[in-house]
Amino acid sequence: MTTGSQIAWDDTVLPFQLNVSDIRGRVARLDGVLDGILKQHDYPPQVEALIAEMALLTALIGQTIKLRWKLSLQVQSKGAVRMIATDYYGPEKEGESARIRAYASFDRDKLTEARPYDQIGDGYFAIMIDQGEGMTPYQGITPLAGNTLAHCAEAYFAQSEQLPTRFQLSFGRSTEAGGKEHWRAGGVMIQHMPKASPFVAQTEGTGDILMANDLLEGSDSENWSRVNILLDTAEEIEMIGPQVSPSDLLARLFHEERPVVFDTQSVRFGCTCSEDRVRQSLSIYSARDIEKMTTEDGRVTADCQFCGAHYDLDPRSVGFEATETTGD
């Protein structure tokens, strides 16, 4: 996307709270971020759509993590699309942008003309949070459920966190004047505020996957249903923009719920790969192992799956038996 076409709320996440119904949420717009992610690889359309959906989920969920934390979403499956991985890096400092990266591993020969989610087979959906050095990472895993990645994320929050959660997403290619195409994506996440002693659904322990409606009763259930009905009225053009701002969308959908908005978080495409990280990953290998990795040209090469960066290293300078320093 060119600077001239950039909209003020492109690549942002807007947190909000609905005071009447005790529900919080976020509105996300990803535009340049998706272009940055998808241009790194020649993905088929079905895979592009899955990555776009996963990146949008990552932006909506990741906004809540603290400075310098890392949130990762991952889908592992037995289908044509074997893995989708995304990372959300919290801002280094207040006021800075968060960073998102994503990629997918797939078998091109097994892809079909069916809808994107049908390219995924049996597997699991995982969320991981890395709080930094010295802290034990958190990981939660649930089986894939429903018929979209958004449904998988909703099932994860109901099953692992006992938090009723709903996603409404829209994404695709947009054509500007002059015929130039770029990605536009937008979505809304709503989540019931956690209770001190959450209601435990009767289905827990039966082998069934819990969903949002299993976790609420009484007025909480009524509030949740009402807000979901309002969210169902969101139109695609309202969610992806660019004419409707996130705050205007909230006002249109939830004005009777007394929405309160908080500071917007900007996001951008960003990768953390570097030559030092590549060398560190190779430091566990012996000289014999490094020799097996060496190309006919006498080099050790590595490519970043996220950003496409290519690293070309002298085999004598990598591995735990390296004879040269990493600065050479």
C-alpha atoms as a PDB file:
ATOM      1  CA  MET A   1       0.000   0.000   0.000  1.00  0.00           C
ATOM      2  CA  THR A   2       1.305   3.400  -0.889  1.00  0.00           C
ATOM      3  CA  THR A   3       1.630   6.176   1.638  1.00  0.00           C
ATOM      4  CA  GLY A   4      -0.944   8.214  -0.254  1.00  0.00           C
ATOM      5  CA  SER A   5      -3.611   5.534   0.239  1.00  0.00           C
ATOM      6  CA  GLN A   6      -2.892   4.940   3.933  1.00  0.00           C
ATOM      7  CA  ILE A   7      -5.890   5.528   6.191  1.00  0.00           C
ATOM      8  CA  ALA A   8      -5.493   6.705   9.783  1.00  0.00           C
ATOM      9  CA  TRP A   9      -6.904   3.486  11.219  1.00  0.00           C
ATOM     10  CA  ASP A  10      -5.135   1.059   8.868  1.00  0.00           C
ATOM     11  CA  ASP A  11      -2.995  -1.461  10.795  1.00  0.00           C
ATOM     12  CA  THR A  12      -4.475  -0.661  14.201  1.00  0.00           C
ATOM     13  CA  VAL A  13      -6.287  -2.425  17.038  1.00  0.00           C
ATOM     14  CA  LEU A  14      -8.862  -0.446  19.039  1.00  0.00           C
ATOM     15  CA  PRO A  15      -9.804  -1.882  22.473  1.00  0.00           C
ATOM     16  CA  PHE A  16     -13.276  -1.157  23.838  1.00  0.00           C
ATOM     17  CA  GLN A  17     -15.653  -2.085  26.626  1.00  0.00           C
ATOM     18  CA  LEU A  18     -19.457  -2.357  26.636  1.00  0.00           C
ATOM     19  CA  ASN A  19     -20.460  -1.135  30.080  1.00  0.00           C
ATOM     20  CA  VAL A  20     -24.099  -2.243  29.956  1.00  0.00           C
ATOM     21  CA  SER A  21     -23.322  -5.869  29.133  1.00  0.00           C
ATOM     22  CA  ASP A  22     -19.979  -6.372  30.936  1.00  0.00           C
ATOM     23  CA  ILE A  23     -18.248  -7.275  27.668  1.00  0.00           C
ATOM     24  CA  ARG A  24     -14.867  -6.160  26.341  1.00  0.00           C
ATOM     25  CA  GLY A  25     -13.476  -6.377  22.862  1.00  0.00           C
ATOM     26  CA  ARG A  26     -11.233  -5.112  20.106  1.00  0.00           C
ATOM     27  CA  VAL A  27     -11.642  -3.859  16.544  1.00  0.00           C
ATOM     28  CA  ALA A  28      -8.695  -4.603  14.234  1.00  0.00           C
ATOM     29  CA  ARG A  29      -7.768  -3.370  10.764  1.00  0.00           C
ATOM     30  CA  LEU A  30      -4.868  -5.025   8.941  1.00  0.00           C
ATOM     31  CA  ASP A  31      -3.897  -3.685   5.545  1.00  0.00           C
ATOM     32  CA  GLY A  32      -0.197  -2.972   5.047  1.00  0.00           C
ATOM     33  CA  VAL A  33       0.552  -5.719   7.582  1.00  0.00           C
ATOM     34  CA  LEU A  34      -1.076  -8.365   5.396  1.00  0.00           C
ATOM     35  CA  ASP A  35       0.649  -7.076   2.290  1.00  0.00           C
ATOM     36  CA  GLY A  36       3.957  -7.323   4.156  1.00  0.00           C
ATOM     37  CA  ILE A  37       3.257 -10.888   5.266  1.00  0.00           C
ATOM     38  CA  LEU A  38       1.886 -12.302   2.024  1.00  0.00           C
ATOM     39  CA  LYS A  39       4.313 -10.772  -0.439  1.00  0.00           C
ATOM     40  CA  GLN A  40       7.146 -12.817   1.101  1.00  0.00           C
ATOM     41  CA  HIS A  41       5.854 -16.028  -0.528  1.00  0.00           C
ATOM     42  CA  ASP A  42       3.947 -17.137  -3.596  1.00  0.00           C
ATOM     43  CA  TYR A  43       1.033 -18.601  -1.645  1.00  0.00           C
ATOM     44  CA  PRO A  44      -1.997 -20.088  -3.455  1.00  0.00           C
ATOM     45  CA  PRO A  45      -5.260 -18.153  -2.807  1.00  0.00           C
ATOM     46  CA  GLN A  46      -6.589 -20.745  -0.339  1.00  0.00           C
ATOM     47  CA  VAL A  47      -3.436 -20.472   1.765  1.00  0.00           C
ATOM     48  CA  GLU A  48      -3.413 -16.669   1.554  1.00  0.00           C
ATOM     49  CA  ALA A  49      -6.948 -16.587   2.967  1.00  0.00           C
ATOM     50  CA  LEU A  50      -5.999 -18.836   5.895  1.00  0.00           C
ATOM     51  CA  ILE A  51      -2.950 -16.720   6.719  1.00  0.00           C
ATOM     52  CA  ALA A  52      -5.028 -13.536   6.516  1.00  0.00           C
ATOM     53  CA  GLU A  53      -7.589 -14.982   8.941  1.00  0.00           C
ATOM     54  CA  MET A  54      -4.891 -16.216  11.311  1.00  0.00           C
ATOM     55  CA  ALA A  55      -3.058 -12.869  11.264  1.00  0.00           C
ATOM     56  CA  LEU A  56      -6.295 -11.045  12.039  1.00  0.00           C
ATOM     57  CA  LEU A  57      -6.979 -13.354  14.988  1.00  0.00           C
ATOM     58  CA  THR A  58      -3.414 -12.793  16.190  1.00  0.00           C
ATOM     59  CA  ALA A  59      -3.824  -9.003  16.128  1.00  0.00           C
ATOM     60  CA  LEU A  60      -7.125  -9.163  18.031  1.00  0.00           C
ATOM     61  CA  ILE A  61      -5.836 -11.568  20.696  1.00  0.00           C
ATOM     62  CA  GLY A  62      -2.315 -10.146  20.938  1.00  0.00           C
ATOM     63  CA  GLN A  63      -3.318  -6.617  21.841  1.00  0.00           C
ATOM     64  CA  THR A  64      -3.773  -7.645  25.473  1.00  0.00           C
ATOM     65  CA  ILE A  65      -0.204  -8.862  26.081  1.00  0.00           C
ATOM     66  CA  LYS A  66       2.289  -6.657  27.877  1.00  0.00           C
ATOM     67  CA  LEU A  67       5.293  -4.767  26.568  1.00  0.00           C
ATOM     68  CA  ARG A  68       7.999  -7.001  25.070  1.00  0.00           C
ATOM     69  CA  TRP A  69       5.921 -10.172  25.464  1.00  0.00           C
ATOM     70  CA  LYS A  70       5.412 -12.521  22.531  1.00  0.00           C
ATOM     71  CA  LEU A  71       2.150 -14.229  21.599  1.00  0.00           C
ATOM     72  CA  SER A  72       2.161 -17.098  19.096  1.00  0.00           C
ATOM     73  CA  LEU A  73      -0.779 -18.819  17.424  1.00  0.00           C
ATOM     74  CA  GLN A  74      -0.302 -22.116  15.640  1.00  0.00           C
ATOM     75  CA  VAL A  75      -2.396 -24.614  13.742  1.00  0.00           C
ATOM     76  CA  GLN A  76      -0.995 -28.093  13.111  1.00  0.00           C
ATOM     77  CA  SER A  77      -2.999 -30.410  10.898  1.00  0.00           C
ATOM     78  CA  LYS A  78      -2.927 -33.545   8.743  1.00  0.00           C
ATOM     79  CA  GLY A  79      -4.421 -31.723   5.769  1.00  0.00           C
ATOM     80  CA  ALA A  80      -2.922 -30.071   2.713  1.00  0.00           C
ATOM     81  CA  VAL A  81      -2.070 -27.062   4.885  1.00  0.00           C
ATOM     82  CA  ARG A  82       0.136 -28.692   7.491  1.00  0.00           C
ATOM     83  CA  MET A  83       0.900 -25.678   9.665  1.00  0.00           C
ATOM     84  CA  ILE A  84       0.039 -22.008  10.064  1.00  0.00           C
ATOM     85  CA  ALA A  85       2.195 -20.047  12.506  1.00  0.00           C
ATOM     86  CA  THR A  86       1.904 -16.433  13.600  1.00  0.00           C
ATOM     87  CA  ASP A  87       3.802 -14.296  16.107  1.00  0.00           C
ATOM     88  CA  TYR A  88       2.752 -11.046  17.771  1.00  0.00           C
ATOM     89  CA  TYR A  89       5.514  -9.070  19.474  1.00  0.00           C
ATOM     90  CA  GLY A  90       4.355  -6.545  22.045  1.00  0.00           C
ATOM     91  CA  PRO A  91       5.787  -3.029  21.669  1.00  0.00           C
ATOM     92  CA  GLU A  92       9.250  -2.459  23.066  1.00  0.00           C
ATOM     93  CA  LYS A  93       8.059   0.819  24.610  1.00  0.00           C
ATOM     94  CA  GLU A  94       4.784   2.616  25.221  1.00  0.00           C
ATOM     95  CA  GLY A  95       3.593   4.313  22.059  1.00  0.00           C
ATOM     96  CA  GLU A  96       5.524   2.042  19.699  1.00  0.00           C
ATOM     97  CA  SER A  97       3.974  -0.386  17.222  1.00  0.00           C
ATOM     98  CA  ALA A  98       3.474  -4.069  17.859  1.00  0.00           C
ATOM     99  CA  ARG A  99       4.833  -6.436  15.203  1.00  0.00           C
ATOM    100  CA  ILE A 100       3.181  -9.378  13.462  1.00  0.00           C
ATOM    101  CA  ARG A 101       4.650 -12.084  11.241  1.00  0.00           C
ATOM    102  CA  ALA A 102       3.129 -15.259   9.790  1.00  0.00           C
ATOM    103  CA  TYR A 103       3.739 -18.137   7.426  1.00  0.00           C
ATOM    104  CA  ALA A 104       2.213 -21.447   6.354  1.00  0.00           C
ATOM    105  CA  SER A 105       3.593 -24.853   5.418  1.00  0.00           C
ATOM    106  CA  PHE A 106       1.523 -26.768   2.845  1.00  0.00           C
ATOM    107  CA  ASP A 107       1.543 -29.487   0.204  1.00  0.00           C
ATOM    108  CA  ARG A 108       0.639 -27.755  -3.061  1.00  0.00           C
ATOM    109  CA  ASP A 109      -0.268 -31.059  -4.753  1.00  0.00           C
ATOM    110  CA  LYS A 110      -2.918 -31.803  -2.121  1.00  0.00           C
ATOM    111  CA  LEU A 111      -4.717 -28.442  -2.331  1.00  0.00           C
ATOM    112  CA  THR A 112      -8.236 -28.574  -3.779  1.00  0.00           C
ATOM    113  CA  GLU A 113     -10.781 -26.066  -5.101  1.00  0.00           C
ATOM    114  CA  ALA A 114     -12.737 -26.354  -1.844  1.00  0.00           C
ATOM    115  CA  ARG A 115     -12.962 -23.451   0.591  1.00  0.00           C
ATOM    116  CA  PRO A 116      -9.801 -22.505   2.498  1.00  0.00           C
ATOM    117  CA  TYR A 117     -10.685 -24.156   5.813  1.00  0.00           C
ATOM    118  CA  ASP A 118     -11.277 -27.477   4.042  1.00  0.00           C
ATOM    119  CA  GLN A 119      -7.548 -27.543   3.232  1.00  0.00           C
ATOM    120  CA  ILE A 120      -6.967 -28.222   6.949  1.00  0.00           C
ATOM    121  CA  GLY A 121      -7.460 -31.712   8.321  1.00  0.00           C
ATOM    122  CA  ASP A 122      -7.608 -33.047  11.863  1.00  0.00           C
ATOM    123  CA  GLY A 123      -5.239 -31.311  14.208  1.00  0.00           C
ATOM    124  CA  TYR A 124      -4.991 -28.755  16.970  1.00  0.00           C
ATOM    125  CA  PHE A 125      -5.067 -25.030  17.642  1.00  0.00           C
ATOM    126  CA  ALA A 126      -2.487 -23.644  20.076  1.00  0.00           C
ATOM    127  CA  ILE A 127      -1.771 -20.341  21.790  1.00  0.00           C
ATOM    128  CA  MET A 128       1.603 -19.675  23.401  1.00  0.00           C
ATOM    129  CA  ILE A 129       2.753 -16.663  25.440  1.00  0.00           C
ATOM    130  CA  ASP A 130       6.428 -15.951  26.100  1.00  0.00           C
ATOM    131  CA  GLN A 131       6.870 -13.469  28.948  1.00  0.00           C
ATOM    132  CA  GLY A 132      10.604 -13.107  28.469  1.00  0.00           C
ATOM    133  CA  GLU A 133      13.831 -14.457  29.862  1.00  0.00           C
ATOM    134  CA  GLY A 134      13.539 -16.270  33.165  1.00  0.00           C
ATOM    135  CA  MET A 135       9.779 -16.866  32.817  1.00  0.00           C
ATOM    136  CA  THR A 136       8.091 -20.157  31.940  1.00  0.00           C
ATOM    137  CA  PRO A 137       6.188 -19.847  28.647  1.00  0.00           C
ATOM    138  CA  TYR A 138       2.446 -20.531  28.724  1.00  0.00           C
ATOM    139  CA  GLN A 139       0.902 -22.912  26.206  1.00  0.00           C
ATOM    140  CA  GLY A 140      -2.703 -23.957  25.673  1.00  0.00           C
ATOM    141  CA  ILE A 141      -3.917 -26.467  23.083  1.00  0.00           C
ATOM    142  CA  THR A 142      -7.374 -27.522  21.878  1.00  0.00           C
ATOM    143  CA  PRO A 143      -8.545 -29.720  18.996  1.00  0.00           C
ATOM    144  CA  LEU A 144      -9.571 -27.943  15.804  1.00  0.00           C
ATOM    145  CA  ALA A 145     -13.313 -27.253  15.927  1.00  0.00           C
ATOM    146  CA  GLY A 146     -15.998 -25.662  13.778  1.00  0.00           C
ATOM    147  CA  ASN A 147     -15.506 -24.640  10.161  1.00  0.00           C
ATOM    148  CA  THR A 148     -13.264 -21.558  10.381  1.00  0.00           C
ATOM    149  CA  LEU A 149     -10.089 -20.611  12.205  1.00  0.00           C
ATOM    150  CA  ALA A 150     -12.198 -18.088  14.137  1.00  0.00           C
ATOM    151  CA  HIS A 151     -14.356 -20.967  15.418  1.00  0.00           C
ATOM    152  CA  CYS A 152     -11.170 -22.759  16.502  1.00  0.00           C
ATOM    153  CA  ALA A 153     -10.094 -19.698  18.486  1.00  0.00           C
ATOM    154  CA  GLU A 154     -13.547 -19.373  20.073  1.00  0.00           C
ATOM    155  CA  ALA A 155     -13.434 -23.025  21.126  1.00  0.00           C
ATOM    156  CA  TYR A 156      -9.947 -22.502  22.569  1.00  0.00           C
ATOM    157  CA  PHE A 157     -11.094 -19.641  24.828  1.00  0.00           C
ATOM    158  CA  ALA A 158     -14.186 -21.544  25.967  1.00  0.00           C
ATOM    159  CA  GLN A 159     -12.315 -24.782  26.618  1.00  0.00           C
ATOM    160  CA  SER A 160      -8.959 -23.571  27.954  1.00  0.00           C
ATOM    161  CA  GLU A 161      -9.795 -20.190  29.493  1.00  0.00           C
ATOM    162  CA  GLN A 162     -13.554 -20.542  30.198  1.00  0.00           C
ATOM    163  CA  LEU A 163     -14.061 -17.129  28.587  1.00  0.00           C
ATOM    164  CA  PRO A 164     -17.026 -16.720  26.207  1.00  0.00           C
ATOM    165  CA  THR A 165     -15.466 -15.237  23.054  1.00  0.00           C
ATOM    166  CA  ARG A 166     -16.708 -14.366  19.571  1.00  0.00           C
ATOM    167  CA  PHE A 167     -14.911 -13.234  16.403  1.00  0.00           C
ATOM    168  CA  GLN A 168     -16.472 -11.563  13.381  1.00  0.00           C
ATOM    169  CA  LEU A 169     -13.912 -11.268  10.570  1.00  0.00           C
ATOM    170  CA  SER A 170     -13.721 -10.085   6.988  1.00  0.00           C
ATOM    171  CA  PHE A 171     -10.739 -10.058   4.629  1.00  0.00           C
ATOM    172  CA  GLY A 172      -9.808 -10.142   0.965  1.00  0.00           C
ATOM    173  CA  ARG A 173      -8.194  -8.289  -1.905  1.00  0.00           C
ATOM    174  CA  SER A 174      -9.337  -4.730  -2.615  1.00  0.00           C
ATOM    175  CA  THR A 175      -8.859  -2.930  -5.933  1.00  0.00           C
ATOM    176  CA  GLU A 176      -7.971   0.757  -5.851  1.00  0.00           C
ATOM    177  CA  ALA A 177      -8.501   3.293  -8.600  1.00  0.00           C
ATOM    178  CA  GLY A 178      -6.059   2.428 -11.356  1.00  0.00           C
ATOM    179  CA  GLY A 179      -6.442  -1.320 -10.832  1.00  0.00           C
ATOM    180  CA  LYS A 180      -3.869  -1.802  -8.063  1.00  0.00           C
ATOM    181  CA  GLU A 181      -4.782  -4.593  -5.660  1.00  0.00           C
ATOM    182  CA  HIS A 182      -3.895  -4.884  -2.004  1.00  0.00           C
ATOM    183  CA  TRP A 183      -5.209  -6.706   1.040  1.00  0.00           C
ATOM    184  CA  ARG A 184      -7.768  -5.229   3.389  1.00  0.00           C
ATOM    185  CA  ALA A 185      -8.908  -7.024   6.531  1.00  0.00           C
ATOM    186  CA  GLY A 186     -10.943  -6.142   9.562  1.00  0.00           C
ATOM    187  CA  GLY A 187     -12.606  -7.834  12.458  1.00  0.00           C
ATOM    188  CA  VAL A 188     -14.259  -7.536  15.844  1.00  0.00           C
ATOM    189  CA  MET A 189     -13.571  -9.647  18.911  1.00  0.00           C
ATOM    190  CA  ILE A 190     -15.910  -9.651  21.894  1.00  0.00           C
ATOM    191  CA  GLN A 191     -15.280 -11.429  25.176  1.00  0.00           C
ATOM    192  CA  HIS A 192     -17.307 -11.664  28.351  1.00  0.00           C
ATOM    193  CA  MET A 193     -15.467 -10.190  31.304  1.00  0.00           C
ATOM    194  CA  PRO A 194     -14.062 -12.933  33.567  1.00  0.00           C
ATOM    195  CA  LYS A 195     -15.809 -13.627  36.849  1.00  0.00           C
ATOM    196  CA  ALA A 196     -14.172 -14.380  40.201  1.00  0.00           C
ATOM    197  CA  SER A 197     -15.941 -17.756  40.275  1.00  0.00           C
ATOM    198  CA  PRO A 198     -16.854 -18.653  36.695  1.00  0.00           C
ATOM    199  CA  PHE A 199     -19.851 -20.824  35.961  1.00  0.00           C
ATOM    200  CA  VAL A 200     -18.680 -24.351  35.073  1.00  0.00           C
ATOM    201  CA  ALA A 201     -20.699 -25.861  32.260  1.00  0.00           C
ATOM    202  CA  GLN A 202     -22.349 -29.238  32.780  1.00  0.00           C
ATOM    203  CA  THR A 203     -20.742 -30.516  29.571  1.00  0.00           C
ATOM    204  CA  GLU A 204     -17.243 -30.226  31.044  1.00  0.00           C
ATOM    205  CA  GLY A 205     -15.615 -33.612  31.429  1.00  0.00           C
ATOM    206  CA  THR A 206     -17.977 -35.325  28.957  1.00  0.00           C
ATOM    207  CA  GLY A 207     -15.546 -35.169  26.043  1.00  0.00           C
ATOM    208  CA  ASP A 208     -17.468 -32.401  24.260  1.00  0.00           C
ATOM    209  CA  ILE A 209     -15.742 -29.144  23.324  1.00  0.00           C
ATOM    210  CA  LEU A 210     -17.120 -26.235  25.326  1.00  0.00           C
ATOM    211  CA  MET A 211     -18.439 -23.194  23.466  1.00  0.00           C
ATOM    212  CA  ALA A 212     -19.324 -19.690  24.655  1.00  0.00           C
ATOM    213  CA  ASN A 213     -22.991 -20.391  25.393  1.00  0.00           C
ATOM    214  CA  ASP A 214     -22.027 -23.290  27.685  1.00  0.00           C
ATOM    215  CA  LEU A 215     -20.337 -20.880  30.087  1.00  0.00           C
ATOM    216  CA  LEU A 216     -23.079 -18.341  30.828  1.00  0.00           C
ATOM    217  CA  GLU A 217     -26.426 -18.282  32.565  1.00  0.00           C
ATOM    218  CA  GLY A 218     -29.051 -15.756  33.673  1.00  0.00           C
ATOM    219  CA  SER A 219     -28.509 -12.085  32.816  1.00  0.00           C
ATOM    220  CA  ASP A 220     -24.962 -12.795  31.584  1.00  0.00           C
ATOM    221  CA  SER A 221     -26.357 -15.188  28.987  1.00  0.00           C
ATOM    222  CA  GLU A 222     -29.006 -12.650  27.938  1.00  0.00           C
ATOM    223  CA  ASN A 223     -26.411  -9.878  27.590  1.00  0.00           C
ATOM    224  CA  TRP A 224     -24.110 -12.136  25.584  1.00  0.00           C
ATOM    225  CA  SER A 225     -26.896 -13.156  23.213  1.00  0.00           C
ATOM    226  CA  ARG A 226     -27.998  -9.547  22.702  1.00  0.00           C
ATOM    227  CA  VAL A 227     -24.502  -8.294  21.874  1.00  0.00           C
ATOM    228  CA  ASN A 228     -23.935 -11.222  19.505  1.00  0.00           C
ATOM    229  CA  ILE A 229     -27.144 -10.357  17.646  1.00  0.00           C
ATOM    230  CA  LEU A 230     -25.904  -6.775  17.282  1.00  0.00           C
ATOM    231  CA  LEU A 231     -22.516  -7.985  16.051  1.00  0.00           C
ATOM    232  CA  ASP A 232     -24.261 -10.118  13.426  1.00  0.00           C
ATOM    233  CA  THR A 233     -25.479  -6.908  11.760  1.00  0.00           C
ATOM    234  CA  ALA A 234     -21.911  -5.757  10.974  1.00  0.00           C
ATOM    235  CA  GLU A 235     -21.411  -5.523   7.223  1.00  0.00           C
ATOM    236  CA  GLU A 236     -18.243  -6.493   5.416  1.00  0.00           C
ATOM    237  CA  ILE A 237     -17.526  -2.949   4.189  1.00  0.00           C
ATOM    238  CA  GLU A 238     -17.883  -1.654   7.761  1.00  0.00           C
ATOM    239  CA  MET A 239     -15.305  -4.077   9.116  1.00  0.00           C
ATOM    240  CA  ILE A 240     -12.624  -3.720   6.465  1.00  0.00           C
ATOM    241  CA  GLY A 241     -13.092   0.012   5.766  1.00  0.00           C
ATOM    242  CA  PRO A 242     -11.774   2.331   4.650  1.00  0.00           C
ATOM    243  CA  GLN A 243     -14.858   4.578   4.781  1.00  0.00           C
ATOM    244  CA  VAL A 244     -16.030   3.543   8.274  1.00  0.00           C
ATOM    245  CA  SER A 245     -13.666   4.098  11.223  1.00  0.00           C
ATOM    246  CA  PRO A 246     -13.503   1.519  14.035  1.00  0.00           C
ATOM    247  CA  SER A 247     -15.049   3.976  16.505  1.00  0.00           C
ATOM    248  CA  ASP A 248     -17.917   4.732  14.110  1.00  0.00           C
ATOM    249  CA  LEU A 249     -18.476   1.002  13.679  1.00  0.00           C
ATOM    250  CA  LEU A 250     -18.726   0.553  17.452  1.00  0.00           C
ATOM    251  CA  ALA A 251     -21.137   3.459  17.742  1.00  0.00           C
ATOM    252  CA  ARG A 252     -23.349   1.987  15.018  1.00  0.00           C
ATOM    253  CA  LEU A 253     -23.341  -1.545  16.431  1.00  0.00           C
ATOM    254  CA  PHE A 254     -23.381  -0.998  20.181  1.00  0.00           C
ATOM    255  CA  HIS A 255     -24.553   2.553  20.971  1.00  0.00           C
ATOM    256  CA  GLU A 256     -27.153   1.275  23.458  1.00  0.00           C
ATOM    257  CA  GLU A 257     -24.448  -0.771  25.240  1.00  0.00           C
ATOM    258  CA  ARG A 258     -22.541   2.429  26.156  1.00  0.00           C
ATOM    259  CA  PRO A 259     -19.224   1.557  24.454  1.00  0.00           C
ATOM    260  CA  VAL A 260     -16.030   3.063  25.887  1.00  0.00           C
ATOM    261  CA  VAL A 261     -12.884   3.046  23.737  1.00  0.00           C
ATOM    262  CA  PHE A 262      -9.266   3.009  24.908  1.00  0.00           C
ATOM    263  CA  ASP A 263      -5.927   3.874  23.317  1.00  0.00           C
ATOM    264  CA  THR A 264      -5.371   2.492  19.834  1.00  0.00           C
ATOM    265  CA  GLN A 265      -2.454   0.088  19.314  1.00  0.00           C
ATOM    266  CA  SER A 266      -0.678   0.352  15.975  1.00  0.00           C
ATOM    267  CA  VAL A 267       0.749  -2.809  14.390  1.00  0.00           C
ATOM    268  CA  ARG A 268       3.192  -3.456  11.555  1.00  0.00           C
ATOM    269  CA  PHE A 269       4.784  -6.358   9.776  1.00  0.00           C
ATOM    270  CA  GLY A 270       8.038  -7.236  11.515  1.00  0.00           C
ATOM    271  CA  CYS A 271      10.411 -10.177  11.780  1.00  0.00           C
ATOM    272  CA  THR A 272      13.016 -10.871  14.462  1.00  0.00           C
ATOM    273  CA  CYS A 273      15.319 -13.067  12.403  1.00  0.00           C
ATOM    274  CA  SER A 274      19.003 -12.102  12.194  1.00  0.00           C
ATOM    275  CA  GLU A 275      22.370 -13.622  11.382  1.00  0.00           C
ATOM    276  CA  ASP A 276      23.135 -13.858  15.098  1.00  0.00           C
ATOM    277  CA  ARG A 277      19.954 -15.886  15.667  1.00  0.00           C
ATOM    278  CA  VAL A 278      20.841 -18.218  12.799  1.00  0.00           C
ATOM    279  CA  ARG A 279      24.317 -18.734  14.233  1.00  0.00           C
ATOM    280  CA  GLN A 280      22.810 -19.405  17.653  1.00  0.00           C
ATOM    281  CA  SER A 281      20.447 -22.034  16.216  1.00  0.00           C
ATOM    282  CA  LEU A 282      23.419 -23.738  14.525  1.00  0.00           C
ATOM    283  CA  SER A 283      25.560 -23.656  17.658  1.00  0.00           C
ATOM    284  CA  ILE A 284      24.249 -27.046  18.800  1.00  0.00           C
ATOM    285  CA  TYR A 285      25.778 -28.846  15.792  1.00  0.00           C
ATOM    286  CA  SER A 286      29.236 -30.396  15.544  1.00  0.00           C
ATOM    287  CA  ALA A 287      31.664 -29.835  12.687  1.00  0.00           C
ATOM    288  CA  ARG A 288      30.553 -33.148  11.171  1.00  0.00           C
ATOM    289  CA  ASP A 289      26.911 -32.063  11.270  1.00  0.00           C
ATOM    290  CA  ILE A 290      27.789 -28.693   9.727  1.00  0.00           C
ATOM    291  CA  GLU A 291      29.676 -30.481   6.961  1.00  0.00           C
ATOM    292  CA  LYS A 292      26.482 -32.334   6.029  1.00  0.00           C
ATOM    293  CA  MET A 293      24.655 -28.979   5.779  1.00  0.00           C
ATOM    294  CA  THR A 294      27.314 -27.405   3.567  1.00  0.00           C
ATOM    295  CA  THR A 295      26.334 -26.810  -0.060  1.00  0.00           C
ATOM    296  CA  GLU A 296      28.395 -27.706  -3.125  1.00  0.00           C
ATOM    297  CA  ASP A 297      29.551 -24.086  -3.129  1.00  0.00           C
ATOM    298  CA  GLY A 298      31.051 -24.528   0.323  1.00  0.00           C
ATOM    299  CA  ARG A 299      28.477 -22.448   2.222  1.00  0.00           C
ATOM    300  CA  VAL A 300      25.848 -23.014   4.903  1.00  0.00           C
ATOM    301  CA  THR A 301      22.600 -21.293   3.950  1.00  0.00           C
ATOM    302  CA  ALA A 302      19.346 -20.632   5.774  1.00  0.00           C
ATOM    303  CA  ASP A 303      16.109 -18.914   4.795  1.00  0.00           C
ATOM    304  CA  CYS A 304      13.618 -17.297   7.175  1.00  0.00           C
ATOM    305  CA  GLN A 305      10.164 -18.786   6.634  1.00  0.00           C
ATOM    306  CA  PHE A 306       8.510 -15.610   7.903  1.00  0.00           C
ATOM    307  CA  CYS A 307      10.215 -12.807   5.962  1.00  0.00           C
ATOM    308  CA  GLY A 308      12.184 -14.639   3.274  1.00  0.00           C
ATOM    309  CA  ALA A 309      15.579 -13.318   4.425  1.00  0.00           C
ATOM    310  CA  HIS A 310      18.483 -15.418   3.093  1.00  0.00           C
ATOM    311  CA  TYR A 311      21.593 -16.079   5.172  1.00  0.00           C
ATOM    312  CA  ASP A 312      24.855 -17.296   3.598  1.00  0.00           C
ATOM    313  CA  LEU A 313      27.489 -18.344   6.126  1.00  0.00           C
ATOM    314  CA  ASP A 314      31.012 -19.740   6.138  1.00  0.00           C
ATOM    315  CA  PRO A 315      30.724 -23.286   7.565  1.00  0.00           C
ATOM    316  CA  ARG A 316      33.912 -22.716   9.592  1.00  0.00           C
ATOM    317  CA  SER A 317      32.155 -19.960  11.524  1.00  0.00           C
ATOM    318  CA  VAL A 318      29.122 -21.914  12.736  1.00  0.00           C
ATOM    319  CA  GLY A 319      28.533 -24.824  15.093  1.00  0.00           C
ATOM    320  CA  PHE A 320      29.989 -25.352  18.539  1.00  0.00           C
ATOM    321  CA  GLU A 321      33.349 -26.259  17.021  1.00  0.00           C
ATOM    322  CA  ALA A 322      33.609 -23.105  14.895  1.00  0.00           C
ATOM    323  CA  THR A 323      37.136 -21.909  14.235  1.00  0.00           C
ATOM    324  CA  GLU A 324      36.183 -18.366  13.331  1.00  0.00           C
ATOM    325  CA  THR A 325      34.356 -15.717  15.329  1.00  0.00           C
ATOM    326  CA  THR A 326      30.832 -14.684  14.459  1.00  0.00           C
ATOM    327  CA  GLY A 327      32.096 -11.198  13.709  1.00  0.00           C
ATOM    328  CA  ASP A 328      34.197 -12.362  10.719  1.00  0.00           C
END
